[in-house]
């Protein structure tokens, strides 16, 4: 008897007994029962390489490719079979579809029947009993010296493939399944969705497979990427989307993408003939136990992209360990995925769409949403307390420490933001208010996501109105004002803080009133409305003291001290900052203490007390670093760089500016990055590295433009103008100054416009255009006079006086300098006063009023001696000598010269290397 069946040759009879003997003749490598390779196989090159490595004689005997239905497991397995046969790694590759998720899955005995037929065993020689079939199957495999690859596709249980295990190490079993099947003992290879590029390539290939000249996908790559994302980069969904384009050759990709964007209809669109995403997921869902089915439905209620085990426990009202067990079991079905680091779980977008559909058919969702939002709200409040509260006052049972609280906020921030909007939309305004108040400060301070913070406080304000409590609404207005301020919408912020203050005042909520006035003062300061800002902050500070709130007093003192420092009221500023620092230390409030040191460092820099500035800023940096506050550590590093720049330590300053800029860039803070580029440009300019300085200022300009911050833009243009002037590019410098003035005029605050005009005036004066220079300087003076900043006004008066001197209008210049000196004295700025006296001496000399010029020089010398500035004193004594000689006082001039030489000699002796 001789039968030839499907490429195999059988000799003799088959005896149905305990052992069946079948001899298979030698054959070249062939594809036995293996489906053809897909023409659009793409994006799985690494997965294919991994399988080829696993499916070797030294690899595991069973490999299971797991993943969601429609993710491409079968296509990958077939590709692996073809690759191994083509490479001669196996003599035969067999394929059997177990239909594990159909109504009637293929049983093990049926699978063996299929495989035995593929191995060439005649139907009449195949035993009826599954175990006997398995024995015959193993005997047939054993006759293949070079090994056989058996692909068991679409298994849903380990029992379906248990009898298909290979008999020796040279054979391999490759299983595809949506389940983990732990009892099978297989090596698991989890398959995920396609990478973005591979997903769009699959779309294009699938469309071209029908019509090779169809370039609709290739011609519109942006829409193709959008469509791929809307399909979740799931291969089956991509093929079904491509099928819609094949069915309708006039359908434009953007039309299909718009249709897919409607989540309610997406699953309907991704369905062709008897194939669809909904049907595929339905087959997995109906196999779930009741508790897993409930968990699956409820997970779609989570507002963000993923969920923690603890949040899921709140959602289903179980203990975390119980929830974790259920989540792990559900992940074993591939309907959900576990995050790479464990402890977090997510659904693919299309799976979420399906879960939402299933959840609409059940009544448990309202209570579950409430439990979940309560968990997020209470935990966010506890985390914010750890981040913001003094040491020892946060709940020790909520988080281990501040770092753990910050880590939780970082992990959950997307859920918290979405939770605010979700709570407001689902009838839980009270929870929306709580979440908004806890999340908005974190978003602004930690991530600098000011647009998100504004959206959160807007939703929180709407929810507060729905709650109907004046206290709640006032607090929401203050939170919203802060977010508006950080978004640079200062006018709206002022209005919001006024609303908060009025509401709080009307109900006697003094704490809320202080908070509102504190925010108001900080915003008014950014509008250059300094006197109003001081008044608002003083009012807030008075309330904090009346209410006996030392922490509130400390933080308000820091704010007021910083403002007073900016307008050169240094004595008041230092007194407040010292008080704030003492209070913070007594309360264990390290964050507030650090802020006090930062502002103290800035005051000391302004006073020229550089060693004290460095010491204060170093203390602040250490505190911020210890608190894990990278943003404020970077801003303090920036401030320290400015101090070193003032000390002439340019290289050290550059290093600090670059360090700060790198952190700002990593945090996505374009404002901080722009400031760092600006200051870096200034330091590079001091070293004569003009090309690098210009590049840095252009980057500062780009940041200002991106943020819509016209004042920052104006400052960058002014710096660029001066750099161009130094390189002799006067026409370009003139144009840059004009850009600076235009940008400053469009800014909210007017201080920048005054400075831009002042710098333009100086440029015109240096370039022989004194009349135009005077006009610009006079406009600058008019602007700064209205700001309530005496220091700015004094500087503007000095610049105008210099131009008047050039025009021969010395008397007007002298009057301007007299006013400038008075203002500098009021500000407590001896350096500004010395500068003014020097200019006054020059003006008097121009009028041949040499004795008066000499008297002015003596006053300046007294100030310089008090400041310990010996180099400045030497310069001023030289000017004194010149005035005295011109006045005919030769002896006094000689005495002045001798004193100058003695001072210079002493300075040289004290200076190493001279």
Foldseek 3Di string as FASTA:
>chain_A
DWDDAQNWTWDDDFDPDLATDTATDDDAADEQAQDDADQLDWQCVVVLVVVLVQLALPHDQEEEEAAAPLQCPSNSVSVNQVVCSVVLQFRYEHEDEQPALDPDGRAQQNRLLRVVSSLPDDNVNQDNDNLNSLNNNQNSQVNGPSEYEYEYEAHAELRRCVSVRHPHSNYHYYYYYNFLHVVNVHHYDYGDAGDLVSLLSSLQSLLCVLPVPLCLSVVCVVLSSLQCVLLLSRNLQSNLLSVVCNVPVPDHSVNSSVQSVPLLCNQVSSDDDPDTPLVSVVSLLVPDDPVLNVLLLQQLLQQFFKAFLCLSCLLVVHDSVVSLVSQVRNVRSNQKPADPVGRMIGGRPNSSSSSPVVNVVDDPRVSSLVSSLVVLLVLLVLLLCQLAPFPPPGDCVNAVHNVRSLVVCVVCVRSLLSSLVVCLVSPNLVSNLSSLLSNLVCCCQPQVPLVSNLVSLVSNLVSQVVVPDLLSNLSSLLSNLVSCVSLVVLVSSLVSLVSSLVSCVVVVVLLSNLSSLLSNLVSVVVQLQLVSSLVSLVSSLVSCVVVVPLLSNLQSLLSNLLSLLVLLQNVSSLVSLVSSLVSCVVRNNLLSNLSSLLSVLVSCLLQVVLVSSLVSLVSSLVSCVVSVRLLVNLVSLLSNLVSCVSVVVLVSSLVSLVVSLVSCVVSVNLQSNLSSLQVNLVSCVVVVVLVSSLVSLVSSLVSCVVSVALLSNLVSLLSNLVSCVVVVNNVSSLVSLVSSLVSCVPHSHNLSNLVSLLSNLLSCLVVVNLVSSLVSLVVSLVRVVVSPRLQSNLVSLQSNLVSCLVVVNLVSSLVSLVSSLVSCVVSVHLVSNLSSLQSNLVSCVSVVVLVVSLVSLVVSLVSCVVVVPLVVNLVSLQSNLVSCVSVVNNVVSVVSNVVSVVSVVVVVVVDPPD
